[in-house]
Amino acid sequence: MNSTVEPIALALLPPDIARKLQVTSYIFCGTSAIFIWDAIWNLHADYKLLFKTKIGLPTLVYFISRIGTMVFVIGYTMFSTSPIGNCNKTGFIFSIFYPVGVSGSALLFFFRVRAVFFARKYIVWVFFALWICVFASCMVIPFAGRATNIGPTKYCIETQNKPFGGAAVIVPNVHDTLVFLAISYQLLCLSHAEQHGMINTIRAFVSGSYLPALSKSILHNGQVYYMVTVVGNLLTTIVYYQVGISPDYRDMLVIPNVVLTNIMACYVYRNTKLGLMEDPGTLLSACSRIEIQNNAGEHQVAQRIDLMKIQEGNKVNCPLPCNYSAEIEQMKARINSGR
């Protein structure tokens, strides 16, 4: 694969468009290299997810999102740098993998919401509806752009990006923001930080103070994911809607944004899945207030309980009735499996 567009093809374009196209091709090549490096770096972790853990829906979504992102990123890099010919059709095929990668990343984070709010089914359904909106908005990408050959060559250039394509960035941005705020609010409730005043509540929100180990892990991972995706989506949206920028240049940040979002979403999932599997004692040594739901459908709040450090083969030392302990074990299983 050529690292840049062939100079003969660039010579057929106006100088400003040729320069922007070459810069974009550099960015796409660098982004593809980052994604490939991340995939190679995490091969061992992916092997453990695939062969050392129970494969459930979240794990399948994890690998589907990785594959979808890889095909989209590498495909569009080839589209921008190689003489592939039949540009409009090829670009359409590659863009089909955009909703696979982006909505897959969002679905991984939805599984975390479902684990945290498992006792509040209406909240889970609201966020599932939000995820459906994410998937639907991403489906417009294959229809938002047009491409053509550069003169008589087989190199390609995008000639049109319709405004509604920005929905594929804005809707995931809204989804990620609401997911982060919802999980942060729930974890702050578990931390009892409100008992220590407003300043300490804000400190808990930013740094995770007063949070038990498991809750703090979820909050901090969510903060990293939120920061990367929201900032990336915001910058991509601003560039996409800049009227003075050529259509090809507007897509400059789409590929890096998709890659960063997928890398962070998969990092969070791997951290939780493999962390709970390999060192459950460290993550589950915590004091938490857990909302549960009894058989009559009434919500109850358990007293603050001590989840003693769990060694392999030992039971949880928990001063709660057996049915409460079972609920706690189910919550741990949901966080681990995404169910």
C-alpha atoms as a PDB file:
ATOM      1  CA  MET A   1       0.000   0.000   0.000  1.00  0.00           C
ATOM      2  CA  ASN A   2       1.388   3.412  -0.934  1.00  0.00           C
ATOM      3  CA  SER A   3       1.995   5.758   1.958  1.00  0.00           C
ATOM      4  CA  THR A   4       0.540   8.700   0.084  1.00  0.00           C
ATOM      5  CA  VAL A   5      -1.456   9.415  -3.019  1.00  0.00           C
ATOM      6  CA  GLU A   6       0.612   9.142  -6.200  1.00  0.00           C
ATOM      7  CA  PRO A   7       2.054  12.547  -7.229  1.00  0.00           C
ATOM      8  CA  ILE A   8       0.623  12.177 -10.772  1.00  0.00           C
ATOM      9  CA  ALA A   9      -2.899  11.929  -9.315  1.00  0.00           C
ATOM     10  CA  LEU A  10      -2.316  14.917  -7.032  1.00  0.00           C
ATOM     11  CA  ALA A  11      -1.098  16.977  -9.990  1.00  0.00           C
ATOM     12  CA  LEU A  12      -4.581  16.694 -11.494  1.00  0.00           C
ATOM     13  CA  LEU A  13      -6.137  18.482  -8.506  1.00  0.00           C
ATOM     14  CA  PRO A  14      -6.086  22.155  -7.465  1.00  0.00           C
ATOM     15  CA  PRO A  15      -3.108  22.778  -5.141  1.00  0.00           C
ATOM     16  CA  ASP A  16      -5.168  23.392  -1.994  1.00  0.00           C
ATOM     17  CA  ILE A  17      -7.258  20.226  -2.429  1.00  0.00           C
ATOM     18  CA  ALA A  18      -4.152  18.184  -3.277  1.00  0.00           C
ATOM     19  CA  ARG A  19      -2.438  19.383  -0.114  1.00  0.00           C
ATOM     20  CA  LYS A  20      -5.460  18.571   2.056  1.00  0.00           C
ATOM     21  CA  LEU A  21      -5.799  15.143   0.461  1.00  0.00           C
ATOM     22  CA  GLN A  22      -2.165  14.356   1.151  1.00  0.00           C
ATOM     23  CA  VAL A  23      -2.433  15.502   4.779  1.00  0.00           C
ATOM     24  CA  THR A  24      -5.536  13.363   5.214  1.00  0.00           C
ATOM     25  CA  SER A  25      -3.748  10.328   3.787  1.00  0.00           C
ATOM     26  CA  TYR A  26      -0.901  10.824   6.277  1.00  0.00           C
ATOM     27  CA  ILE A  27      -3.398  10.979   9.150  1.00  0.00           C
ATOM     28  CA  PHE A  28      -5.208   7.850   7.979  1.00  0.00           C
ATOM     29  CA  CYS A  29      -1.943   5.907   7.655  1.00  0.00           C
ATOM     30  CA  GLY A  30      -0.810   6.969  11.120  1.00  0.00           C
ATOM     31  CA  THR A  31      -4.175   6.100  12.634  1.00  0.00           C
ATOM     32  CA  SER A  32      -4.155   2.660  11.009  1.00  0.00           C
ATOM     33  CA  ALA A  33      -0.681   2.054  12.406  1.00  0.00           C
ATOM     34  CA  ILE A  34      -1.889   2.973  15.910  1.00  0.00           C
ATOM     35  CA  PHE A  35      -4.847   0.609  15.683  1.00  0.00           C
ATOM     36  CA  ILE A  36      -2.714  -2.258  14.368  1.00  0.00           C
ATOM     37  CA  TRP A  37      -0.178  -1.672  17.149  1.00  0.00           C
ATOM     38  CA  ASP A  38      -2.952  -1.703  19.755  1.00  0.00           C
ATOM     39  CA  ALA A  39      -4.314  -4.959  18.319  1.00  0.00           C
ATOM     40  CA  ILE A  40      -0.872  -6.590  18.411  1.00  0.00           C
ATOM     41  CA  TRP A  41      -0.157  -5.269  21.912  1.00  0.00           C
ATOM     42  CA  ASN A  42      -3.375  -6.804  23.246  1.00  0.00           C
ATOM     43  CA  LEU A  43      -3.144 -10.147  21.448  1.00  0.00           C
ATOM     44  CA  HIS A  44      -2.395 -11.953  24.709  1.00  0.00           C
ATOM     45  CA  ALA A  45      -5.396 -10.370  26.444  1.00  0.00           C
ATOM     46  CA  ASP A  46      -7.621 -11.166  23.473  1.00  0.00           C
ATOM     47  CA  TYR A  47      -6.396 -14.764  23.568  1.00  0.00           C
ATOM     48  CA  LYS A  48      -7.412 -15.023  27.228  1.00  0.00           C
ATOM     49  CA  LEU A  49     -10.812 -13.498  26.483  1.00  0.00           C
ATOM     50  CA  LEU A  50     -11.369 -15.966  23.667  1.00  0.00           C
ATOM     51  CA  PHE A  51     -10.023 -19.176  25.199  1.00  0.00           C
ATOM     52  CA  LYS A  52      -9.699 -18.666  28.971  1.00  0.00           C
ATOM     53  CA  THR A  53     -13.061 -17.098  29.818  1.00  0.00           C
ATOM     54  CA  LYS A  54     -16.665 -17.958  29.198  1.00  0.00           C
ATOM     55  CA  ILE A  55     -17.711 -16.395  25.904  1.00  0.00           C
ATOM     56  CA  GLY A  56     -20.942 -14.452  26.230  1.00  0.00           C
ATOM     57  CA  LEU A  57     -22.656 -11.696  24.281  1.00  0.00           C
ATOM     58  CA  PRO A  58     -20.317  -8.917  25.550  1.00  0.00           C
ATOM     59  CA  THR A  59     -17.240 -10.854  24.423  1.00  0.00           C
ATOM     60  CA  LEU A  60     -18.784 -11.428  20.997  1.00  0.00           C
ATOM     61  CA  VAL A  61     -19.611  -7.714  20.739  1.00  0.00           C
ATOM     62  CA  TYR A  62     -16.035  -6.913  21.775  1.00  0.00           C
ATOM     63  CA  PHE A  63     -14.516  -8.907  18.920  1.00  0.00           C
ATOM     64  CA  ILE A  64     -17.131  -7.795  16.377  1.00  0.00           C
ATOM     65  CA  SER A  65     -16.467  -4.137  17.194  1.00  0.00           C
ATOM     66  CA  ARG A  66     -12.715  -4.695  16.877  1.00  0.00           C
ATOM     67  CA  ILE A  67     -13.063  -6.409  13.509  1.00  0.00           C
ATOM     68  CA  GLY A  68     -15.549  -3.814  12.238  1.00  0.00           C
ATOM     69  CA  THR A  69     -13.280  -0.951  13.271  1.00  0.00           C
ATOM     70  CA  MET A  70     -10.242  -2.611  11.712  1.00  0.00           C
ATOM     71  CA  VAL A  71     -11.961  -3.163   8.355  1.00  0.00           C
ATOM     72  CA  PHE A  72     -13.315   0.400   8.321  1.00  0.00           C
ATOM     73  CA  VAL A  73     -10.010   2.032   9.256  1.00  0.00           C
ATOM     74  CA  ILE A  74      -7.714  -0.010   7.029  1.00  0.00           C
ATOM     75  CA  GLY A  75     -10.266   0.065   4.211  1.00  0.00           C
ATOM     76  CA  TYR A  76     -10.515   3.847   4.236  1.00  0.00           C
ATOM     77  CA  THR A  77      -6.741   4.150   4.456  1.00  0.00           C
ATOM     78  CA  MET A  78      -6.484   2.066   1.283  1.00  0.00           C
ATOM     79  CA  PHE A  79      -9.283   4.171  -0.226  1.00  0.00           C
ATOM     80  CA  SER A  80      -7.240   7.338   0.389  1.00  0.00           C
ATOM     81  CA  THR A  81      -3.811   6.043  -0.630  1.00  0.00           C
ATOM     82  CA  SER A  82      -4.158   3.234  -3.187  1.00  0.00           C
ATOM     83  CA  PRO A  83      -5.420   3.014  -6.793  1.00  0.00           C
ATOM     84  CA  ILE A  84      -8.474   0.893  -6.031  1.00  0.00           C
ATOM     85  CA  GLY A  85     -10.805   2.127  -8.805  1.00  0.00           C
ATOM     86  CA  ASN A  86     -14.629   2.109  -8.728  1.00  0.00           C
ATOM     87  CA  CYS A  87     -14.382   4.675  -5.948  1.00  0.00           C
ATOM     88  CA  ASN A  88     -18.039   5.273  -5.108  1.00  0.00           C
ATOM     89  CA  LYS A  89     -18.880   1.576  -4.739  1.00  0.00           C
ATOM     90  CA  THR A  90     -15.700   0.763  -2.805  1.00  0.00           C
ATOM     91  CA  GLY A  91     -16.202   3.679  -0.425  1.00  0.00           C
ATOM     92  CA  PHE A  92     -19.770   2.526   0.214  1.00  0.00           C
ATOM     93  CA  ILE A  93     -18.593  -0.999   1.081  1.00  0.00           C
ATOM     94  CA  PHE A  94     -15.951   0.226   3.521  1.00  0.00           C
ATOM     95  CA  SER A  95     -18.357   2.683   5.171  1.00  0.00           C
ATOM     96  CA  ILE A  96     -20.761  -0.167   6.013  1.00  0.00           C
ATOM     97  CA  PHE A  97     -18.327  -1.191   8.742  1.00  0.00           C
ATOM     98  CA  TYR A  98     -18.619   2.213  10.476  1.00  0.00           C
ATOM     99  CA  PRO A  99     -21.844   1.302  12.342  1.00  0.00           C
ATOM    100  CA  VAL A 100     -20.329  -2.084  13.234  1.00  0.00           C
ATOM    101  CA  GLY A 101     -17.351  -0.499  14.969  1.00  0.00           C
ATOM    102  CA  VAL A 102     -18.975   2.574  16.542  1.00  0.00           C
ATOM    103  CA  SER A 103     -22.237   1.000  17.701  1.00  0.00           C
ATOM    104  CA  GLY A 104     -20.267  -2.006  18.955  1.00  0.00           C
ATOM    105  CA  SER A 105     -18.117   0.282  21.108  1.00  0.00           C
ATOM    106  CA  ALA A 106     -21.250   1.977  22.465  1.00  0.00           C
ATOM    107  CA  LEU A 107     -22.857  -1.394  23.191  1.00  0.00           C
ATOM    108  CA  LEU A 108     -19.882  -2.411  25.336  1.00  0.00           C
ATOM    109  CA  PHE A 109     -20.461   0.636  27.510  1.00  0.00           C
ATOM    110  CA  PHE A 110     -24.203  -0.085  27.639  1.00  0.00           C
ATOM    111  CA  PHE A 111     -23.410  -3.457  29.193  1.00  0.00           C
ATOM    112  CA  ARG A 112     -21.745  -1.566  32.053  1.00  0.00           C
ATOM    113  CA  VAL A 113     -24.859   0.544  32.549  1.00  0.00           C
ATOM    114  CA  ARG A 114     -26.958  -2.601  32.672  1.00  0.00           C
ATOM    115  CA  ALA A 115     -24.673  -4.131  35.301  1.00  0.00           C
ATOM    116  CA  VAL A 116     -24.819  -1.027  37.506  1.00  0.00           C
ATOM    117  CA  PHE A 117     -28.585  -0.450  37.157  1.00  0.00           C
ATOM    118  CA  PHE A 118     -29.698  -4.080  37.052  1.00  0.00           C
ATOM    119  CA  ALA A 119     -32.344  -3.418  39.748  1.00  0.00           C
ATOM    120  CA  ARG A 120     -33.878  -0.516  37.796  1.00  0.00           C
ATOM    121  CA  LYS A 121     -35.175  -2.026  34.606  1.00  0.00           C
ATOM    122  CA  TYR A 122     -36.694   1.211  33.309  1.00  0.00           C
ATOM    123  CA  ILE A 123     -33.273   2.886  33.333  1.00  0.00           C
ATOM    124  CA  VAL A 124     -31.781  -0.055  31.466  1.00  0.00           C
ATOM    125  CA  TRP A 125     -34.522   0.186  28.828  1.00  0.00           C
ATOM    126  CA  VAL A 126     -33.955   3.942  28.437  1.00  0.00           C
ATOM    127  CA  PHE A 127     -30.272   3.413  27.736  1.00  0.00           C
ATOM    128  CA  PHE A 128     -31.016   0.534  25.403  1.00  0.00           C
ATOM    129  CA  ALA A 129     -33.282   2.890  23.437  1.00  0.00           C
ATOM    130  CA  LEU A 130     -30.394   5.377  23.343  1.00  0.00           C
ATOM    131  CA  TRP A 131     -28.139   2.678  21.952  1.00  0.00           C
ATOM    132  CA  ILE A 132     -30.714   1.910  19.239  1.00  0.00           C
ATOM    133  CA  CYS A 133     -30.520   5.604  18.313  1.00  0.00           C
ATOM    134  CA  VAL A 134     -26.732   5.311  18.108  1.00  0.00           C
ATOM    135  CA  PHE A 135     -26.978   2.333  15.771  1.00  0.00           C
ATOM    136  CA  ALA A 136     -29.617   4.037  13.603  1.00  0.00           C
ATOM    137  CA  SER A 137     -27.581   7.247  13.331  1.00  0.00           C
ATOM    138  CA  CYS A 138     -24.445   5.330  12.344  1.00  0.00           C
ATOM    139  CA  MET A 139     -26.345   3.619   9.540  1.00  0.00           C
ATOM    140  CA  VAL A 140     -26.535   6.925   7.636  1.00  0.00           C
ATOM    141  CA  ILE A 141     -22.773   6.990   7.024  1.00  0.00           C
ATOM    142  CA  PRO A 142     -22.823   4.783   3.888  1.00  0.00           C
ATOM    143  CA  PHE A 143     -25.345   7.185   2.335  1.00  0.00           C
ATOM    144  CA  ALA A 144     -23.767  10.472   3.462  1.00  0.00           C
ATOM    145  CA  GLY A 145     -20.826  10.631   1.058  1.00  0.00           C
ATOM    146  CA  ARG A 146     -19.965  10.346  -2.610  1.00  0.00           C
ATOM    147  CA  ALA A 147     -16.605   9.619  -4.212  1.00  0.00           C
ATOM    148  CA  THR A 148     -15.085   9.660  -7.674  1.00  0.00           C
ATOM    149  CA  ASN A 149     -11.821   8.901  -9.440  1.00  0.00           C
ATOM    150  CA  ILE A 150      -9.130  11.537  -9.702  1.00  0.00           C
ATOM    151  CA  GLY A 151      -9.107  12.212 -13.424  1.00  0.00           C
ATOM    152  CA  PRO A 152      -8.220   9.120 -15.470  1.00  0.00           C
ATOM    153  CA  THR A 153      -6.394   7.482 -12.545  1.00  0.00           C
ATOM    154  CA  LYS A 154      -7.747   4.833 -10.184  1.00  0.00           C
ATOM    155  CA  TYR A 155      -7.096   6.996  -7.123  1.00  0.00           C
ATOM    156  CA  CYS A 156     -10.138   8.268  -5.250  1.00  0.00           C
ATOM    157  CA  ILE A 157     -11.384  11.480  -3.718  1.00  0.00           C
ATOM    158  CA  GLU A 158     -14.595  12.262  -1.864  1.00  0.00           C
ATOM    159  CA  THR A 159     -16.708  14.857  -3.599  1.00  0.00           C
ATOM    160  CA  GLN A 160     -19.675  15.202  -1.255  1.00  0.00           C
ATOM    161  CA  ASN A 161     -20.509  14.815   2.428  1.00  0.00           C
ATOM    162  CA  LYS A 162     -24.155  15.407   3.247  1.00  0.00           C
ATOM    163  CA  PRO A 163     -24.891  17.293   6.506  1.00  0.00           C
ATOM    164  CA  PHE A 164     -26.988  14.505   8.015  1.00  0.00           C
ATOM    165  CA  GLY A 165     -23.828  12.401   8.251  1.00  0.00           C
ATOM    166  CA  GLY A 166     -22.898  14.421  11.323  1.00  0.00           C
ATOM    167  CA  ALA A 167     -25.657  12.609  13.226  1.00  0.00           C
ATOM    168  CA  ALA A 168     -23.357   9.581  13.298  1.00  0.00           C
ATOM    169  CA  VAL A 169     -21.030  11.610  15.523  1.00  0.00           C
ATOM    170  CA  ILE A 170     -23.502  13.719  17.537  1.00  0.00           C
ATOM    171  CA  VAL A 171     -25.785  10.879  18.681  1.00  0.00           C
ATOM    172  CA  PRO A 172     -22.914   8.698  19.999  1.00  0.00           C
ATOM    173  CA  ASN A 173     -21.590  11.814  21.745  1.00  0.00           C
ATOM    174  CA  VAL A 174     -24.923  12.291  23.550  1.00  0.00           C
ATOM    175  CA  HIS A 175     -25.058   8.580  24.395  1.00  0.00           C
ATOM    176  CA  ASP A 176     -21.538   8.547  25.858  1.00  0.00           C
ATOM    177  CA  THR A 177     -22.202  11.674  27.914  1.00  0.00           C
ATOM    178  CA  LEU A 178     -25.426  10.329  29.434  1.00  0.00           C
ATOM    179  CA  VAL A 179     -23.852   6.944  30.157  1.00  0.00           C
ATOM    180  CA  PHE A 180     -20.958   8.553  31.974  1.00  0.00           C
ATOM    181  CA  LEU A 181     -23.180  10.859  34.031  1.00  0.00           C
ATOM    182  CA  ALA A 182     -25.572   8.045  34.974  1.00  0.00           C
ATOM    183  CA  ILE A 183     -22.823   5.683  36.128  1.00  0.00           C
ATOM    184  CA  SER A 184     -21.020   8.486  37.960  1.00  0.00           C
ATOM    185  CA  TYR A 185     -24.214   9.455  39.801  1.00  0.00           C
ATOM    186  CA  GLN A 186     -24.869   5.870  40.862  1.00  0.00           C
ATOM    187  CA  LEU A 187     -21.302   5.393  42.065  1.00  0.00           C
ATOM    188  CA  LEU A 188     -21.453   8.650  44.010  1.00  0.00           C
ATOM    189  CA  CYS A 189     -24.576   7.351  45.731  1.00  0.00           C
ATOM    190  CA  LEU A 190     -22.637   4.253  46.724  1.00  0.00           C
ATOM    191  CA  SER A 191     -19.744   6.332  48.012  1.00  0.00           C
ATOM    192  CA  HIS A 192     -21.800   8.261  50.633  1.00  0.00           C
ATOM    193  CA  ALA A 193     -19.757  11.317  49.634  1.00  0.00           C
ATOM    194  CA  GLU A 194     -22.831  13.498  50.100  1.00  0.00           C
ATOM    195  CA  GLN A 195     -22.403  13.008  53.846  1.00  0.00           C
ATOM    196  CA  HIS A 196     -19.094  14.873  53.690  1.00  0.00           C
ATOM    197  CA  GLY A 197     -20.264  18.068  52.003  1.00  0.00           C
ATOM    198  CA  MET A 198     -20.388  19.508  48.505  1.00  0.00           C
ATOM    199  CA  ILE A 199     -16.613  19.884  48.082  1.00  0.00           C
ATOM    200  CA  ASN A 200     -15.955  16.265  48.945  1.00  0.00           C
ATOM    201  CA  THR A 201     -18.798  15.199  46.655  1.00  0.00           C
ATOM    202  CA  ILE A 202     -17.139  17.026  43.752  1.00  0.00           C
ATOM    203  CA  ARG A 203     -13.804  15.507  44.753  1.00  0.00           C
ATOM    204  CA  ALA A 204     -15.357  12.056  44.697  1.00  0.00           C
ATOM    205  CA  PHE A 205     -16.807  12.771  41.258  1.00  0.00           C
ATOM    206  CA  VAL A 206     -13.413  13.796  39.857  1.00  0.00           C
ATOM    207  CA  SER A 207     -10.969  11.569  41.731  1.00  0.00           C
ATOM    208  CA  GLY A 208     -13.084   8.699  43.025  1.00  0.00           C
ATOM    209  CA  SER A 209     -12.498   9.527  46.700  1.00  0.00           C
ATOM    210  CA  TYR A 210     -14.728   7.651  49.170  1.00  0.00           C
ATOM    211  CA  LEU A 211     -15.475   5.039  46.516  1.00  0.00           C
ATOM    212  CA  PRO A 212     -14.904   1.350  47.157  1.00  0.00           C
ATOM    213  CA  ALA A 213     -12.308  -0.320  44.953  1.00  0.00           C
ATOM    214  CA  LEU A 214     -14.717  -1.806  42.416  1.00  0.00           C
ATOM    215  CA  SER A 215     -16.755   1.392  42.077  1.00  0.00           C
ATOM    216  CA  LYS A 216     -13.612   3.505  41.803  1.00  0.00           C
ATOM    217  CA  SER A 217     -12.297   1.272  39.018  1.00  0.00           C
ATOM    218  CA  ILE A 218     -15.533   1.646  37.040  1.00  0.00           C
ATOM    219  CA  LEU A 219     -15.660   5.434  37.535  1.00  0.00           C
ATOM    220  CA  HIS A 220     -12.057   6.079  36.525  1.00  0.00           C
ATOM    221  CA  ASN A 221     -12.267   3.872  33.443  1.00  0.00           C
ATOM    222  CA  GLY A 222     -15.509   5.615  32.511  1.00  0.00           C
ATOM    223  CA  GLN A 223     -13.880   9.022  32.904  1.00  0.00           C
ATOM    224  CA  VAL A 224     -11.072   8.121  30.512  1.00  0.00           C
ATOM    225  CA  TYR A 225     -13.532   6.726  27.969  1.00  0.00           C
ATOM    226  CA  TYR A 226     -15.789   9.770  28.342  1.00  0.00           C
ATOM    227  CA  MET A 227     -12.969  12.281  27.953  1.00  0.00           C
ATOM    228  CA  VAL A 228     -11.561  10.675  24.818  1.00  0.00           C
ATOM    229  CA  THR A 229     -14.856  10.024  23.054  1.00  0.00           C
ATOM    230  CA  VAL A 230     -16.638  13.274  23.880  1.00  0.00           C
ATOM    231  CA  VAL A 231     -13.680  15.494  22.967  1.00  0.00           C
ATOM    232  CA  GLY A 232     -13.027  13.456  19.830  1.00  0.00           C
ATOM    233  CA  ASN A 233     -16.681  13.514  18.787  1.00  0.00           C
ATOM    234  CA  LEU A 234     -16.932  17.250  19.444  1.00  0.00           C
ATOM    235  CA  LEU A 235     -13.868  18.081  17.341  1.00  0.00           C
ATOM    236  CA  THR A 236     -15.024  15.770  14.557  1.00  0.00           C
ATOM    237  CA  THR A 237     -18.473  17.384  14.511  1.00  0.00           C
ATOM    238  CA  ILE A 238     -17.029  20.920  14.375  1.00  0.00           C
ATOM    239  CA  VAL A 239     -14.738  20.045  11.468  1.00  0.00           C
ATOM    240  CA  TYR A 240     -17.505  18.125   9.675  1.00  0.00           C
ATOM    241  CA  TYR A 241     -19.843  21.132   9.638  1.00  0.00           C
ATOM    242  CA  GLN A 242     -17.250  23.751   8.664  1.00  0.00           C
ATOM    243  CA  VAL A 243     -18.604  25.090   5.368  1.00  0.00           C
ATOM    244  CA  GLY A 244     -15.260  26.519   4.271  1.00  0.00           C
ATOM    245  CA  ILE A 245     -13.528  23.125   4.422  1.00  0.00           C
ATOM    246  CA  SER A 246     -13.528  20.852   1.388  1.00  0.00           C
ATOM    247  CA  PRO A 247     -15.567  17.616   1.705  1.00  0.00           C
ATOM    248  CA  ASP A 248     -12.470  15.431   1.817  1.00  0.00           C
ATOM    249  CA  TYR A 249     -10.875  17.523   4.557  1.00  0.00           C
ATOM    250  CA  ARG A 250     -14.030  17.364   6.706  1.00  0.00           C
ATOM    251  CA  ASP A 251     -13.503  13.630   7.166  1.00  0.00           C
ATOM    252  CA  MET A 252     -10.003  14.186   8.500  1.00  0.00           C
ATOM    253  CA  LEU A 253     -10.905  13.413  12.136  1.00  0.00           C
ATOM    254  CA  VAL A 254     -13.479  10.672  11.546  1.00  0.00           C
ATOM    255  CA  ILE A 255     -10.964   7.824  11.341  1.00  0.00           C
ATOM    256  CA  PRO A 256      -8.918   8.878  14.422  1.00  0.00           C
ATOM    257  CA  ASN A 257     -12.157   9.395  16.364  1.00  0.00           C
ATOM    258  CA  VAL A 258     -13.448   5.913  15.520  1.00  0.00           C
ATOM    259  CA  VAL A 259     -10.112   4.337  16.464  1.00  0.00           C
ATOM    260  CA  LEU A 260      -9.762   6.163  19.785  1.00  0.00           C
ATOM    261  CA  THR A 261     -13.335   5.363  20.756  1.00  0.00           C
ATOM    262  CA  ASN A 262     -12.914   1.669  20.014  1.00  0.00           C
ATOM    263  CA  ILE A 263      -9.540   1.432  21.735  1.00  0.00           C
ATOM    264  CA  MET A 264     -10.881   2.986  24.932  1.00  0.00           C
ATOM    265  CA  ALA A 265     -14.156   1.022  24.953  1.00  0.00           C
ATOM    266  CA  CYS A 266     -12.295  -2.251  24.484  1.00  0.00           C
ATOM    267  CA  TYR A 267      -9.702  -1.252  27.072  1.00  0.00           C
ATOM    268  CA  VAL A 268     -12.456  -0.695  29.640  1.00  0.00           C
ATOM    269  CA  TYR A 269     -14.076  -4.041  28.832  1.00  0.00           C
ATOM    270  CA  ARG A 270     -10.784  -5.962  28.996  1.00  0.00           C
ATOM    271  CA  ASN A 271      -9.859  -4.281  32.268  1.00  0.00           C
ATOM    272  CA  THR A 272     -13.145  -5.246  33.887  1.00  0.00           C
ATOM    273  CA  LYS A 273     -13.430  -8.751  32.451  1.00  0.00           C
ATOM    274  CA  LEU A 274      -9.869  -9.884  33.044  1.00  0.00           C
ATOM    275  CA  GLY A 275      -9.459  -7.884  36.265  1.00  0.00           C
ATOM    276  CA  LEU A 276     -12.436  -9.514  37.958  1.00  0.00           C
ATOM    277  CA  MET A 277     -11.330 -12.906  36.727  1.00  0.00           C
ATOM    278  CA  GLU A 278      -7.677 -12.696  37.745  1.00  0.00           C
ATOM    279  CA  ASP A 279      -7.840 -10.677  40.978  1.00  0.00           C
ATOM    280  CA  PRO A 280     -11.383 -10.659  42.382  1.00  0.00           C
ATOM    281  CA  GLY A 281     -10.159 -10.068  45.928  1.00  0.00           C
ATOM    282  CA  THR A 282      -8.615  -6.695  45.198  1.00  0.00           C
ATOM    283  CA  LEU A 283     -11.587  -5.408  43.256  1.00  0.00           C
ATOM    284  CA  LEU A 284     -14.240  -6.754  45.590  1.00  0.00           C
ATOM    285  CA  SER A 285     -12.675  -5.770  48.886  1.00  0.00           C
ATOM    286  CA  ALA A 286     -15.048  -2.902  49.493  1.00  0.00           C
ATOM    287  CA  CYS A 287     -17.810  -1.426  51.564  1.00  0.00           C
ATOM    288  CA  SER A 288     -20.886  -0.727  49.461  1.00  0.00           C
ATOM    289  CA  ARG A 289     -24.514   0.155  49.779  1.00  0.00           C
ATOM    290  CA  ILE A 290     -26.266  -1.998  47.218  1.00  0.00           C
ATOM    291  CA  GLU A 291     -29.795  -1.492  46.048  1.00  0.00           C
ATOM    292  CA  ILE A 292     -31.558  -4.797  45.540  1.00  0.00           C
ATOM    293  CA  GLN A 293     -35.000  -5.899  44.585  1.00  0.00           C
ATOM    294  CA  ASN A 294     -36.912  -8.493  46.581  1.00  0.00           C
ATOM    295  CA  ASN A 295     -39.399 -11.031  45.272  1.00  0.00           C
ATOM    296  CA  ALA A 296     -42.326  -8.674  45.846  1.00  0.00           C
ATOM    297  CA  GLY A 297     -40.775  -6.140  43.473  1.00  0.00           C
ATOM    298  CA  GLU A 298     -40.014  -3.621  46.245  1.00  0.00           C
ATOM    299  CA  HIS A 299     -36.682  -1.871  46.321  1.00  0.00           C
ATOM    300  CA  GLN A 300     -34.663  -2.108  49.487  1.00  0.00           C
ATOM    301  CA  VAL A 301     -31.297  -0.694  50.401  1.00  0.00           C
ATOM    302  CA  ALA A 302     -29.023  -3.014  52.264  1.00  0.00           C
ATOM    303  CA  GLN A 303     -27.015  -1.683  55.171  1.00  0.00           C
ATOM    304  CA  ARG A 304     -23.383  -0.915  54.487  1.00  0.00           C
ATOM    305  CA  ILE A 305     -21.755  -4.286  54.253  1.00  0.00           C
ATOM    306  CA  ASP A 306     -18.264  -5.595  54.304  1.00  0.00           C
ATOM    307  CA  LEU A 307     -17.267  -7.629  51.299  1.00  0.00           C
ATOM    308  CA  MET A 308     -14.254  -9.363  52.719  1.00  0.00           C
ATOM    309  CA  LYS A 309     -11.338 -10.129  50.471  1.00  0.00           C
ATOM    310  CA  ILE A 310     -12.176 -13.223  48.491  1.00  0.00           C
ATOM    311  CA  GLN A 311      -9.535 -15.871  48.139  1.00  0.00           C
ATOM    312  CA  GLU A 312      -9.970 -18.617  45.602  1.00  0.00           C
ATOM    313  CA  GLY A 313     -12.306 -21.277  46.981  1.00  0.00           C
ATOM    314  CA  ASN A 314     -13.548 -19.163  49.917  1.00  0.00           C
ATOM    315  CA  LYS A 315     -17.054 -17.836  50.430  1.00  0.00           C
ATOM    316  CA  VAL A 316     -18.037 -14.224  50.936  1.00  0.00           C
ATOM    317  CA  ASN A 317     -18.184 -13.229  54.601  1.00  0.00           C
ATOM    318  CA  CYS A 318     -21.248 -11.032  54.421  1.00  0.00           C
ATOM    319  CA  PRO A 319     -23.617 -10.183  57.332  1.00  0.00           C
ATOM    320  CA  LEU A 320     -26.712 -10.312  55.117  1.00  0.00           C
ATOM    321  CA  PRO A 321     -29.423 -12.909  54.594  1.00  0.00           C
ATOM    322  CA  CYS A 322     -28.674 -15.592  52.031  1.00  0.00           C
ATOM    323  CA  ASN A 323     -30.939 -14.057  49.407  1.00  0.00           C
ATOM    324  CA  TYR A 324     -29.099 -10.706  49.738  1.00  0.00           C
ATOM    325  CA  SER A 325     -25.742 -12.436  49.359  1.00  0.00           C
ATOM    326  CA  ALA A 326     -27.077 -14.123  46.237  1.00  0.00           C
ATOM    327  CA  GLU A 327     -28.060 -10.718  44.811  1.00  0.00           C
ATOM    328  CA  ILE A 328     -24.549  -9.429  45.466  1.00  0.00           C
ATOM    329  CA  GLU A 329     -23.026 -12.431  43.742  1.00  0.00           C
ATOM    330  CA  GLN A 330     -25.370 -11.823  40.803  1.00  0.00           C
ATOM    331  CA  MET A 331     -24.253  -8.208  40.568  1.00  0.00           C
ATOM    332  CA  LYS A 332     -20.623  -9.321  40.472  1.00  0.00           C
ATOM    333  CA  ALA A 333     -21.497 -11.805  37.750  1.00  0.00           C
ATOM    334  CA  ARG A 334     -23.313  -9.094  35.740  1.00  0.00           C
ATOM    335  CA  ILE A 335     -20.305  -6.786  35.893  1.00  0.00           C
ATOM    336  CA  ASN A 336     -18.098  -9.669  34.832  1.00  0.00           C
ATOM    337  CA  SER A 337     -20.270 -10.957  32.003  1.00  0.00           C
ATOM    338  CA  GLY A 338     -22.344  -7.904  31.019  1.00  0.00           C
ATOM    339  CA  ARG A 339     -25.622  -9.712  31.613  1.00  0.00           C
END
